[in-house]
PDB file of N, CA and C in Angstrom:
ATOM      1  N   MET A   1      75.682 -49.935 -86.964  1.00  0.00           N
ATOM      2  CA  MET A   1      75.962 -50.601 -88.221  1.00  0.00           C
ATOM      3  C   MET A   1      75.195 -49.925 -89.338  1.00  0.00           C
ATOM      4  N   LYS A   2      76.277 -49.755 -90.360  1.00  0.00           N
ATOM      5  CA  LYS A   2      76.182 -49.119 -91.376  1.00  0.00           C
ATOM      6  C   LYS A   2      75.011 -49.627 -92.439  1.00  0.00           C
ATOM      7  N   PRO A   3      73.716 -49.117 -92.862  1.00  0.00           N
ATOM      8  CA  PRO A   3      73.545 -49.579 -93.936  1.00  0.00           C
ATOM      9  C   PRO A   3      74.099 -49.576 -95.263  1.00  0.00           C
ATOM     10  N   PRO A   4      74.208 -50.697 -96.216  1.00  0.00           N
ATOM     11  CA  PRO A   4      74.600 -50.624 -97.463  1.00  0.00           C
ATOM     12  C   PRO A   4      74.511 -49.472 -98.139  1.00  0.00           C
ATOM     13  N   ARG A   5      75.367 -49.532 -99.266  1.00  0.00           N
ATOM     14  CA  ARG A   5      75.120 -47.946-100.219  1.00  0.00           C
ATOM     15  C   ARG A   5      73.907 -47.963-100.981  1.00  0.00           C
ATOM     16  N   LEU A   6      73.167 -48.898-101.333  1.00  0.00           N
ATOM     17  CA  LEU A   6      71.999 -48.983-102.236  1.00  0.00           C
ATOM     18  C   LEU A   6      71.144 -48.423-101.132  1.00  0.00           C
ATOM     19  N   LEU A   7      71.086 -49.018-100.120  1.00  0.00           N
ATOM     20  CA  LEU A   7      70.035 -48.509 -98.995  1.00  0.00           C
ATOM     21  C   LEU A   7      70.178 -47.259 -98.431  1.00  0.00           C
ATOM     22  N   THR A   8      71.592 -46.685 -98.316  1.00  0.00           N
ATOM     23  CA  THR A   8      71.770 -45.256 -97.699  1.00  0.00           C
ATOM     24  C   THR A   8      71.222 -44.331 -99.054  1.00  0.00           C
ATOM     25  N   LYS A   9      71.471 -44.778-100.321  1.00  0.00           N
ATOM     26  CA  LYS A   9      70.768 -43.752-101.360  1.00  0.00           C
ATOM     27  C   LYS A   9      69.559 -43.776-101.064  1.00  0.00           C
ATOM     28  N   LEU A  10      68.654 -44.886-101.053  1.00  0.00           N
ATOM     29  CA  LEU A  10      67.337 -45.059-100.531  1.00  0.00           C
ATOM     30  C   LEU A  10      67.320 -44.144 -99.605  1.00  0.00           C
ATOM     31  N   LEU A  11      67.599 -44.169 -98.266  1.00  0.00           N
ATOM     32  CA  LEU A  11      67.308 -43.447 -97.362  1.00  0.00           C
ATOM     33  C   LEU A  11      67.528 -41.992 -97.349  1.00  0.00           C
ATOM     34  N   ASP A  12      68.092 -41.683 -98.552  1.00  0.00           N
ATOM     35  CA  ASP A  12      68.358 -40.312 -98.865  1.00  0.00           C
ATOM     36  C   ASP A  12      67.290 -39.623 -99.652  1.00  0.00           C
ATOM     37  N   GLN A  13      66.671 -40.598-100.523  1.00  0.00           N
ATOM     38  CA  GLN A  13      65.281 -40.382-101.488  1.00  0.00           C
ATOM     39  C   GLN A  13      64.048 -40.454-100.796  1.00  0.00           C
ATOM     40  N   ILE A  14      64.276 -40.951 -99.393  1.00  0.00           N
ATOM     41  CA  ILE A  14      62.499 -41.292 -98.982  1.00  0.00           C
ATOM     42  C   ILE A  14      61.474 -40.165 -99.317  1.00  0.00           C
ATOM     43  N   GLY A  15      61.904 -38.965 -98.675  1.00  0.00           N
ATOM     44  CA  GLY A  15      61.590 -37.716 -98.728  1.00  0.00           C
ATOM     45  C   GLY A  15      61.325 -37.405-100.265  1.00  0.00           C
ATOM     46  N   LEU A  16      61.443 -37.848-100.889  1.00  0.00           N
ATOM     47  CA  LEU A  16      60.739 -37.955-102.359  1.00  0.00           C
ATOM     48  C   LEU A  16      59.846 -38.315-102.764  1.00  0.00           C
ATOM     49  N   LEU A  17      59.450 -39.625-102.204  1.00  0.00           N
ATOM     50  CA  LEU A  17      58.852 -40.795-102.494  1.00  0.00           C
ATOM     51  C   LEU A  17      57.035 -40.038-102.063  1.00  0.00           C
ATOM     52  N   GLU A  18      56.022 -40.741-102.727  1.00  0.00           N
ATOM     53  CA  GLU A  18      54.721 -40.529-102.791  1.00  0.00           C
ATOM     54  C   GLU A  18      54.053 -41.340-101.515  1.00  0.00           C
ATOM     55  N   PHE A  19      53.966 -41.053-100.318  1.00  0.00           N
ATOM     56  CA  PHE A  19      53.661 -41.604 -99.132  1.00  0.00           C
ATOM     57  C   PHE A  19      51.761 -41.583 -99.278  1.00  0.00           C
ATOM     58  N   ARG A  20      51.080 -42.735 -99.015  1.00  0.00           N
ATOM     59  CA  ARG A  20      49.826 -42.324 -98.725  1.00  0.00           C
ATOM     60  C   ARG A  20      49.352 -43.459 -97.570  1.00  0.00           C
ATOM     61  N   PRO A  21      48.420 -43.102 -97.018  1.00  0.00           N
ATOM     62  CA  PRO A  21      47.747 -43.944 -95.663  1.00  0.00           C
ATOM     63  C   PRO A  21      47.222 -45.633 -95.934  1.00  0.00           C
ATOM     64  N   LEU A  22      48.019 -46.156 -95.185  1.00  0.00           N
ATOM     65  CA  LEU A  22      47.733 -47.707 -95.301  1.00  0.00           C
ATOM     66  C   LEU A  22      47.119 -47.835 -94.179  1.00  0.00           C
ATOM     67  N   ARG A  23      47.026 -47.755 -92.791  1.00  0.00           N
ATOM     68  CA  ARG A  23      46.670 -47.943 -91.783  1.00  0.00           C
ATOM     69  C   ARG A  23      46.699 -46.610 -90.887  1.00  0.00           C
ATOM     70  N   PRO A  24      45.762 -46.716 -89.879  1.00  0.00           N
ATOM     71  CA  PRO A  24      45.943 -45.760 -88.836  1.00  0.00           C
ATOM     72  C   PRO A  24      47.597 -45.612 -88.691  1.00  0.00           C
ATOM     73  N   GLY A  25      48.040 -44.521 -88.616  1.00  0.00           N
ATOM     74  CA  GLY A  25      49.634 -44.211 -88.136  1.00  0.00           C
ATOM     75  C   GLY A  25      50.754 -44.663 -88.932  1.00  0.00           C
ATOM     76  N   VAL A  26      50.213 -45.201 -90.048  1.00  0.00           N
ATOM     77  CA  VAL A  26      51.072 -46.098 -90.765  1.00  0.00           C
ATOM     78  C   VAL A  26      51.000 -45.596 -92.338  1.00  0.00           C
ATOM     79  N   GLN A  27      52.073 -45.181 -93.091  1.00  0.00           N
ATOM     80  CA  GLN A  27      52.172 -44.817 -94.561  1.00  0.00           C
ATOM     81  C   GLN A  27      52.846 -45.873 -95.400  1.00  0.00           C
ATOM     82  N   ILE A  28      52.520 -45.765 -96.529  1.00  0.00           N
ATOM     83  CA  ILE A  28      53.181 -46.555 -97.546  1.00  0.00           C
ATOM     84  C   ILE A  28      53.621 -45.634 -98.581  1.00  0.00           C
ATOM     85  N   ALA A  29      54.610 -46.296 -99.170  1.00  0.00           N
ATOM     86  CA  ALA A  29      55.153 -45.784-100.481  1.00  0.00           C
ATOM     87  C   ALA A  29      55.637 -46.940-101.565  1.00  0.00           C
ATOM     88  N   SER A  30      55.012 -47.104-102.419  1.00  0.00           N
ATOM     89  CA  SER A  30      55.268 -48.167-103.392  1.00  0.00           C
ATOM     90  C   SER A  30      56.447 -48.124-104.480  1.00  0.00           C
ATOM     91  N   ILE A  31      57.244 -49.058-104.096  1.00  0.00           N
ATOM     92  CA  ILE A  31      58.407 -49.351-105.295  1.00  0.00           C
ATOM     93  C   ILE A  31      58.493 -49.956-106.533  1.00  0.00           C
ATOM     94  N   ALA A  32      57.484 -51.090-105.996  1.00  0.00           N
ATOM     95  CA  ALA A  32      57.948 -51.760-107.215  1.00  0.00           C
ATOM     96  C   ALA A  32      56.569 -53.113-107.179  1.00  0.00           C
ATOM     97  N   GLY A  33      56.171 -53.799-108.211  1.00  0.00           N
ATOM     98  CA  GLY A  33      55.064 -54.415-108.022  1.00  0.00           C
ATOM     99  C   GLY A  33      53.161 -54.401-107.877  1.00  0.00           C
ATOM    100  N   ASP A  34      52.800 -55.573-107.293  1.00  0.00           N
ATOM    101  CA  ASP A  34      51.309 -55.516-107.441  1.00  0.00           C
ATOM    102  C   ASP A  34      50.818 -55.116-105.779  1.00  0.00           C
ATOM    103  N   ALA A  35      50.502 -54.027-105.620  1.00  0.00           N
ATOM    104  CA  ALA A  35      49.915 -53.949-104.565  1.00  0.00           C
ATOM    105  C   ALA A  35      48.329 -54.263-103.883  1.00  0.00           C
ATOM    106  N   ASN A  36      47.827 -54.657-105.124  1.00  0.00           N
ATOM    107  CA  ASN A  36      46.521 -55.360-104.821  1.00  0.00           C
ATOM    108  C   ASN A  36      46.552 -56.801-105.107  1.00  0.00           C
ATOM    109  N   GLY A  37      47.733 -57.234-105.014  1.00  0.00           N
ATOM    110  CA  GLY A  37      47.482 -58.659-104.474  1.00  0.00           C
ATOM    111  C   GLY A  37      48.640 -59.696-104.875  1.00  0.00           C
ATOM    112  N   GLY A  38      49.780 -59.408-105.550  1.00  0.00           N
ATOM    113  CA  GLY A  38      50.932 -59.647-105.835  1.00  0.00           C
ATOM    114  C   GLY A  38      52.555 -59.414-105.156  1.00  0.00           C
ATOM    115  N   PRO A  39      53.341 -59.940-105.527  1.00  0.00           N
ATOM    116  CA  PRO A  39      54.548 -59.494-105.241  1.00  0.00           C
ATOM    117  C   PRO A  39      54.563 -57.955-105.011  1.00  0.00           C
ATOM    118  N   HIS A  40      55.291 -57.505-103.700  1.00  0.00           N
ATOM    119  CA  HIS A  40      55.086 -55.929-103.803  1.00  0.00           C
ATOM    120  C   HIS A  40      56.287 -55.894-103.259  1.00  0.00           C
ATOM    121  N   ALA A  41      57.115 -54.284-103.415  1.00  0.00           N
ATOM    122  CA  ALA A  41      58.007 -53.768-102.456  1.00  0.00           C
ATOM    123  C   ALA A  41      57.688 -52.525-102.442  1.00  0.00           C
ATOM    124  N   ALA A  42      57.808 -51.804-101.070  1.00  0.00           N
ATOM    125  CA  ALA A  42      57.438 -50.662-100.589  1.00  0.00           C
ATOM    126  C   ALA A  42      58.194 -50.157 -99.062  1.00  0.00           C
ATOM    127  N   ILE A  43      57.865 -48.973 -99.049  1.00  0.00           N
ATOM    128  CA  ILE A  43      58.572 -48.388 -97.627  1.00  0.00           C
ATOM    129  C   ILE A  43      57.195 -48.191 -96.876  1.00  0.00           C
ATOM    130  N   LEU A  44      57.410 -48.432 -95.690  1.00  0.00           N
ATOM    131  CA  LEU A  44      56.289 -48.050 -94.578  1.00  0.00           C
ATOM    132  C   LEU A  44      57.080 -47.291 -93.793  1.00  0.00           C
ATOM    133  N   ARG A  45      56.277 -46.424 -93.424  1.00  0.00           N
ATOM    134  CA  ARG A  45      56.430 -45.269 -92.452  1.00  0.00           C
ATOM    135  C   ARG A  45      55.281 -45.383 -91.097  1.00  0.00           C
ATOM    136  N   TYR A  46      56.052 -45.724 -89.966  1.00  0.00           N
ATOM    137  CA  TYR A  46      55.279 -46.235 -88.824  1.00  0.00           C
ATOM    138  C   TYR A  46      55.319 -44.815 -87.984  1.00  0.00           C
ATOM    139  N   GLU A  47      54.236 -43.766 -87.717  1.00  0.00           N
ATOM    140  CA  GLU A  47      54.242 -42.546 -86.390  1.00  0.00           C
ATOM    141  C   GLU A  47      54.664 -43.337 -85.245  1.00  0.00           C
ATOM    142  N   PRO A  48      54.920 -42.294 -84.295  1.00  0.00           N
ATOM    143  CA  PRO A  48      55.066 -43.261 -83.077  1.00  0.00           C
ATOM    144  C   PRO A  48      53.960 -43.499 -82.084  1.00  0.00           C
ATOM    145  N   GLY A  49      54.040 -45.017 -81.710  1.00  0.00           N
ATOM    146  CA  GLY A  49      52.757 -45.027 -81.217  1.00  0.00           C
ATOM    147  C   GLY A  49      51.989 -46.441 -82.149  1.00  0.00           C
ATOM    148  N   ALA A  50      52.403 -46.175 -83.438  1.00  0.00           N
ATOM    149  CA  ALA A  50      51.386 -46.883 -84.708  1.00  0.00           C
ATOM    150  C   ALA A  50      51.466 -48.167 -84.539  1.00  0.00           C
ATOM    151  N   HIS A  51      50.421 -49.098 -84.918  1.00  0.00           N
ATOM    152  CA  HIS A  51      50.579 -50.521 -84.847  1.00  0.00           C
ATOM    153  C   HIS A  51      49.926 -50.992 -85.875  1.00  0.00           C
ATOM    154  N   VAL A  52      50.362 -51.978 -86.045  1.00  0.00           N
ATOM    155  CA  VAL A  52      49.246 -53.297 -87.473  1.00  0.00           C
ATOM    156  C   VAL A  52      48.869 -54.378 -86.398  1.00  0.00           C
ATOM    157  N   PRO A  53      47.052 -54.721 -86.405  1.00  0.00           N
ATOM    158  CA  PRO A  53      46.529 -55.721 -85.567  1.00  0.00           C
ATOM    159  C   PRO A  53      46.843 -56.892 -86.065  1.00  0.00           C
ATOM    160  N   ALA A  54      46.779 -57.591 -85.465  1.00  0.00           N
ATOM    161  CA  ALA A  54      47.038 -59.209 -85.772  1.00  0.00           C
ATOM    162  C   ALA A  54      46.691 -59.546 -87.274  1.00  0.00           C
ATOM    163  N   HIS A  55      47.727 -60.175 -87.815  1.00  0.00           N
ATOM    164  CA  HIS A  55      47.681 -60.870 -88.997  1.00  0.00           C
ATOM    165  C   HIS A  55      48.280 -62.105 -89.206  1.00  0.00           C
ATOM    166  N   ARG A  56      48.017 -63.095 -90.147  1.00  0.00           N
ATOM    167  CA  ARG A  56      48.465 -63.852 -90.719  1.00  0.00           C
ATOM    168  C   ARG A  56      48.893 -63.388 -92.231  1.00  0.00           C
ATOM    169  N   HIS A  57      50.402 -64.347 -92.466  1.00  0.00           N
ATOM    170  CA  HIS A  57      50.665 -64.196 -93.616  1.00  0.00           C
ATOM    171  C   HIS A  57      50.524 -65.333 -94.444  1.00  0.00           C
ATOM    172  N   VAL A  58      50.191 -64.805 -95.451  1.00  0.00           N
ATOM    173  CA  VAL A  58      49.981 -66.061 -96.596  1.00  0.00           C
ATOM    174  C   VAL A  58      51.042 -66.273 -97.523  1.00  0.00           C
ATOM    175  N   GLY A  59      52.011 -65.384 -97.806  1.00  0.00           N
ATOM    176  CA  GLY A  59      53.429 -65.571 -98.362  1.00  0.00           C
ATOM    177  C   GLY A  59      54.055 -65.083 -97.720  1.00  0.00           C
ATOM    178  N   PHE A  60      55.568 -65.154 -98.380  1.00  0.00           N
ATOM    179  CA  PHE A  60      56.680 -64.701 -97.834  1.00  0.00           C
ATOM    180  C   PHE A  60      56.664 -63.056 -97.457  1.00  0.00           C
ATOM    181  N   GLU A  61      57.114 -62.925 -96.217  1.00  0.00           N
ATOM    182  CA  GLU A  61      57.548 -61.044 -96.184  1.00  0.00           C
ATOM    183  C   GLU A  61      58.865 -60.839 -95.767  1.00  0.00           C
ATOM    184  N   VAL A  62      59.138 -60.009 -96.239  1.00  0.00           N
ATOM    185  CA  VAL A  62      60.905 -59.825 -95.803  1.00  0.00           C
ATOM    186  C   VAL A  62      60.623 -58.338 -95.445  1.00  0.00           C
ATOM    187  N   ILE A  63      61.584 -58.271 -94.277  1.00  0.00           N
ATOM    188  CA  ILE A  63      61.553 -56.369 -93.431  1.00  0.00           C
ATOM    189  C   ILE A  63      62.748 -56.190 -93.433  1.00  0.00           C
ATOM    190  N   TYR A  64      63.432 -54.786 -93.844  1.00  0.00           N
ATOM    191  CA  TYR A  64      64.779 -54.435 -93.611  1.00  0.00           C
ATOM    192  C   TYR A  64      64.255 -53.447 -92.857  1.00  0.00           C
ATOM    193  N   VAL A  65      64.547 -52.714 -91.353  1.00  0.00           N
ATOM    194  CA  VAL A  65      64.294 -51.762 -90.547  1.00  0.00           C
ATOM    195  C   VAL A  65      65.503 -50.555 -91.047  1.00  0.00           C
ATOM    196  N   LEU A  66      64.963 -49.613 -91.742  1.00  0.00           N
ATOM    197  CA  LEU A  66      65.584 -48.530 -92.153  1.00  0.00           C
ATOM    198  C   LEU A  66      65.913 -47.541 -91.124  1.00  0.00           C
ATOM    199  N   SER A  67      65.060 -47.215 -90.397  1.00  0.00           N
ATOM    200  CA  SER A  67      65.452 -46.456 -89.122  1.00  0.00           C
ATOM    201  C   SER A  67      64.652 -46.541 -88.284  1.00  0.00           C
ATOM    202  N   GLY A  68      64.770 -46.105 -86.645  1.00  0.00           N
ATOM    203  CA  GLY A  68      63.870 -46.529 -85.901  1.00  0.00           C
ATOM    204  C   GLY A  68      63.704 -47.969 -84.897  1.00  0.00           C
ATOM    205  N   SER A  69      62.791 -48.721 -84.909  1.00  0.00           N
ATOM    206  CA  SER A  69      62.555 -49.952 -84.486  1.00  0.00           C
ATOM    207  C   SER A  69      60.991 -50.285 -84.488  1.00  0.00           C
ATOM    208  N   GLN A  70      60.843 -51.092 -84.930  1.00  0.00           N
ATOM    209  CA  GLN A  70      59.207 -52.358 -84.608  1.00  0.00           C
ATOM    210  C   GLN A  70      59.649 -53.540 -83.576  1.00  0.00           C
ATOM    211  N   ARG A  71      58.464 -53.565 -83.298  1.00  0.00           N
ATOM    212  CA  ARG A  71      58.402 -55.066 -82.660  1.00  0.00           C
ATOM    213  C   ARG A  71      57.253 -55.825 -82.714  1.00  0.00           C
ATOM    214  N   ASP A  72      57.481 -57.034 -82.383  1.00  0.00           N
ATOM    215  CA  ASP A  72      56.289 -58.195 -82.535  1.00  0.00           C
ATOM    216  C   ASP A  72      56.419 -58.856 -81.733  1.00  0.00           C
ATOM    217  N   GLU A  73      55.821 -59.945 -81.362  1.00  0.00           N
ATOM    218  CA  GLU A  73      55.715 -60.988 -80.448  1.00  0.00           C
ATOM    219  C   GLU A  73      57.251 -61.658 -80.191  1.00  0.00           C
ATOM    220  N   ARG A  74      58.095 -61.722 -81.315  1.00  0.00           N
ATOM    221  CA  ARG A  74      59.204 -62.158 -81.172  1.00  0.00           C
ATOM    222  C   ARG A  74      60.374 -61.436 -80.645  1.00  0.00           C
ATOM    223  N   GLY A  75      60.026 -60.437 -80.611  1.00  0.00           N
ATOM    224  CA  GLY A  75      61.345 -59.282 -80.296  1.00  0.00           C
ATOM    225  C   GLY A  75      60.970 -58.156 -80.688  1.00  0.00           C
ATOM    226  N   THR A  76      62.191 -57.049 -80.677  1.00  0.00           N
ATOM    227  CA  THR A  76      62.448 -55.821 -81.228  1.00  0.00           C
ATOM    228  C   THR A  76      63.552 -55.585 -82.204  1.00  0.00           C
ATOM    229  N   TYR A  77      63.007 -54.870 -83.292  1.00  0.00           N
ATOM    230  CA  TYR A  77      63.766 -55.059 -84.903  1.00  0.00           C
ATOM    231  C   TYR A  77      64.362 -53.616 -85.111  1.00  0.00           C
ATOM    232  N   GLY A  78      65.690 -52.878 -84.333  1.00  0.00           N
ATOM    233  CA  GLY A  78      66.279 -51.967 -84.717  1.00  0.00           C
ATOM    234  C   GLY A  78      66.640 -51.635 -86.154  1.00  0.00           C
ATOM    235  N   ALA A  79      67.133 -50.405 -86.430  1.00  0.00           N
ATOM    236  CA  ALA A  79      67.745 -50.154 -87.737  1.00  0.00           C
ATOM    237  C   ALA A  79      68.649 -51.185 -87.574  1.00  0.00           C
ATOM    238  N   GLY A  80      68.877 -51.652 -89.192  1.00  0.00           N
ATOM    239  CA  GLY A  80      69.719 -52.628 -89.815  1.00  0.00           C
ATOM    240  C   GLY A  80      69.284 -54.199 -89.728  1.00  0.00           C
ATOM    241  N   ALA A  81      68.070 -54.218 -88.752  1.00  0.00           N
ATOM    242  CA  ALA A  81      67.743 -55.437 -88.519  1.00  0.00           C
ATOM    243  C   ALA A  81      66.823 -56.137 -89.632  1.00  0.00           C
ATOM    244  N   LEU A  82      66.782 -57.307 -89.815  1.00  0.00           N
ATOM    245  CA  LEU A  82      66.009 -58.178 -90.890  1.00  0.00           C
ATOM    246  C   LEU A  82      65.038 -58.946 -90.373  1.00  0.00           C
ATOM    247  N   ALA A  83      63.871 -59.065 -90.927  1.00  0.00           N
ATOM    248  CA  ALA A  83      62.909 -59.813 -90.276  1.00  0.00           C
ATOM    249  C   ALA A  83      62.189 -60.510 -91.620  1.00  0.00           C
ATOM    250  N   VAL A  84      62.322 -62.081 -91.602  1.00  0.00           N
ATOM    251  CA  VAL A  84      61.580 -62.617 -92.202  1.00  0.00           C
ATOM    252  C   VAL A  84      60.016 -63.535 -91.673  1.00  0.00           C
ATOM    253  N   ASN A  85      59.197 -63.189 -92.609  1.00  0.00           N
ATOM    254  CA  ASN A  85      57.555 -63.738 -91.930  1.00  0.00           C
ATOM    255  C   ASN A  85      57.391 -64.894 -92.714  1.00  0.00           C
ATOM    256  N   ARG A  86      56.974 -65.883 -92.278  1.00  0.00           N
ATOM    257  CA  ARG A  86      57.027 -66.888 -93.433  1.00  0.00           C
ATOM    258  C   ARG A  86      55.468 -67.394 -93.515  1.00  0.00           C
ATOM    259  N   PRO A  87      54.688 -68.152 -94.716  1.00  0.00           N
ATOM    260  CA  PRO A  87      53.607 -68.469 -94.694  1.00  0.00           C
ATOM    261  C   PRO A  87      53.373 -68.896 -93.465  1.00  0.00           C
ATOM    262  N   GLY A  88      51.741 -68.548 -93.042  1.00  0.00           N
ATOM    263  CA  GLY A  88      51.509 -69.099 -91.440  1.00  0.00           C
ATOM    264  C   GLY A  88      51.849 -68.265 -90.402  1.00  0.00           C
ATOM    265  N   ASP A  89      52.860 -67.568 -90.464  1.00  0.00           N
ATOM    266  CA  ASP A  89      53.228 -66.732 -89.197  1.00  0.00           C
ATOM    267  C   ASP A  89      51.782 -66.109 -89.230  1.00  0.00           C
ATOM    268  N   GLU A  90      51.752 -65.287 -87.608  1.00  0.00           N
ATOM    269  CA  GLU A  90      50.758 -64.360 -87.168  1.00  0.00           C
ATOM    270  C   GLU A  90      51.470 -63.770 -85.984  1.00  0.00           C
ATOM    271  N   HIS A  91      50.984 -62.664 -86.211  1.00  0.00           N
ATOM    272  CA  HIS A  91      51.671 -61.480 -85.019  1.00  0.00           C
ATOM    273  C   HIS A  91      50.794 -60.151 -85.297  1.00  0.00           C
ATOM    274  N   THR A  92      51.041 -59.073 -84.611  1.00  0.00           N
ATOM    275  CA  THR A  92      51.013 -57.832 -84.364  1.00  0.00           C
ATOM    276  C   THR A  92      52.189 -57.493 -84.476  1.00  0.00           C
ATOM    277  N   VAL A  93      52.115 -55.987 -85.120  1.00  0.00           N
ATOM    278  CA  VAL A  93      53.426 -55.348 -85.344  1.00  0.00           C
ATOM    279  C   VAL A  93      53.333 -53.866 -84.582  1.00  0.00           C
ATOM    280  N   GLU A  94      54.297 -53.298 -83.914  1.00  0.00           N
ATOM    281  CA  GLU A  94      54.097 -52.090 -82.838  1.00  0.00           C
ATOM    282  C   GLU A  94      55.233 -51.346 -83.170  1.00  0.00           C
ATOM    283  N   SER A  95      55.260 -50.063 -82.898  1.00  0.00           N
ATOM    284  CA  SER A  95      56.352 -48.861 -83.362  1.00  0.00           C
ATOM    285  C   SER A  95      56.216 -47.681 -82.123  1.00  0.00           C
ATOM    286  N   ASP A  96      57.011 -48.145 -81.083  1.00  0.00           N
ATOM    287  CA  ASP A  96      56.889 -47.216 -80.054  1.00  0.00           C
ATOM    288  C   ASP A  96      57.401 -45.863 -80.450  1.00  0.00           C
ATOM    289  N   ASP A  97      58.590 -45.418 -80.998  1.00  0.00           N
ATOM    290  CA  ASP A  97      58.932 -44.207 -81.418  1.00  0.00           C
ATOM    291  C   ASP A  97      58.906 -44.029 -82.714  1.00  0.00           C
ATOM    292  N   GLY A  98      58.717 -44.880 -83.668  1.00  0.00           N
ATOM    293  CA  GLY A  98      58.176 -44.703 -85.105  1.00  0.00           C
ATOM    294  C   GLY A  98      59.716 -45.098 -85.789  1.00  0.00           C
ATOM    295  N   CYS A  99      59.111 -45.683 -87.155  1.00  0.00           N
ATOM    296  CA  CYS A  99      60.351 -46.252 -87.820  1.00  0.00           C
ATOM    297  C   CYS A  99      59.742 -46.405 -89.325  1.00  0.00           C
ATOM    298  N   SER A 100      60.867 -46.375 -89.973  1.00  0.00           N
ATOM    299  CA  SER A 100      60.820 -46.723 -91.719  1.00  0.00           C
ATOM    300  C   SER A 100      61.319 -48.249 -91.577  1.00  0.00           C
ATOM    301  N   VAL A 101      60.824 -48.657 -92.990  1.00  0.00           N
ATOM    302  CA  VAL A 101      60.886 -50.284 -93.149  1.00  0.00           C
ATOM    303  C   VAL A 101      60.836 -50.338 -94.555  1.00  0.00           C
ATOM    304  N   LEU A 102      61.773 -50.959 -95.343  1.00  0.00           N
ATOM    305  CA  LEU A 102      61.697 -51.296 -96.545  1.00  0.00           C
ATOM    306  C   LEU A 102      60.829 -53.196 -96.366  1.00  0.00           C
ATOM    307  N   ILE A 103      60.056 -53.100 -97.413  1.00  0.00           N
ATOM    308  CA  ILE A 103      59.460 -54.738 -96.967  1.00  0.00           C
ATOM    309  C   ILE A 103      59.123 -55.197 -98.485  1.00  0.00           C
ATOM    310  N   PHE A 104      59.434 -56.066 -98.597  1.00  0.00           N
ATOM    311  CA  PHE A 104      58.954 -56.961 -99.334  1.00  0.00           C
ATOM    312  C   PHE A 104      57.651 -58.038 -99.424  1.00  0.00           C
ATOM    313  N   TRP A 105      56.548 -58.376 -99.951  1.00  0.00           N
ATOM    314  CA  TRP A 105      55.587 -59.184 -99.744  1.00  0.00           C
ATOM    315  C   TRP A 105      55.485 -60.015-100.831  1.00  0.00           C
ATOM    316  N   GLU A 106      55.128 -61.367-100.733  1.00  0.00           N
ATOM    317  CA  GLU A 106      54.840 -62.024-101.908  1.00  0.00           C
ATOM    318  C   GLU A 106      53.585 -61.941-102.063  1.00  0.00           C
ATOM    319  N   LYS A 107      52.551 -61.860-100.890  1.00  0.00           N
ATOM    320  CA  LYS A 107      50.980 -62.149-100.867  1.00  0.00           C
ATOM    321  C   LYS A 107      50.651 -61.138 -99.788  1.00  0.00           C
ATOM    322  N   PRO A 108      49.325 -60.426-100.245  1.00  0.00           N
ATOM    323  CA  PRO A 108      49.180 -59.543 -98.908  1.00  0.00           C
ATOM    324  C   PRO A 108      48.737 -60.605 -97.594  1.00  0.00           C
ATOM    325  N   VAL A 109      48.605 -59.909 -96.474  1.00  0.00           N
ATOM    326  CA  VAL A 109      48.581 -60.806 -95.304  1.00  0.00           C
ATOM    327  C   VAL A 109      46.716 -60.655 -95.330  1.00  0.00           C
ATOM    328  N   GLU A 110      46.084 -61.432 -94.251  1.00  0.00           N
ATOM    329  CA  GLU A 110      45.244 -62.077 -94.069  1.00  0.00           C
ATOM    330  C   GLU A 110      45.041 -61.174 -92.258  1.00  0.00           C
ATOM    331  N   PHE A 111      43.893 -60.273 -92.264  1.00  0.00           N
ATOM    332  CA  PHE A 111      43.914 -59.564 -90.719  1.00  0.00           C
ATOM    333  C   PHE A 111      42.736 -60.378 -89.998  1.00  0.00           C
ATOM    334  N   LEU A 112      43.079 -60.801 -88.673  1.00  0.00           N
ATOM    335  CA  LEU A 112      42.559 -61.559 -88.227  1.00  0.00           C
ATOM    336  C   LEU A 112      41.316 -61.052 -87.225  1.00  0.00           C
TER     337      LEU A 112
END
């Protein structure tokens, strides 16, 4: 599945974004919003084998997988997949081979 043109342009420019560590093996490049507690948009880059420990979603979160794949208790999401996490959802996230995702969240997660 070929990504929409806007996402293709974003993929071409990922190398120009400023990434910083978020969790071990996961980096973040903020695109818009409030990284300290409010709605936020960013690109996350997972190194092969990286994971995000168990957490609960306080607000909505939407993830679009740009490249590679990630998985949680509900399944595996490859490039082009869209995942929605609702308030109250709990899960862990892992990427065996690494991935990049476009992520929008309403509120930060609570780690369990």
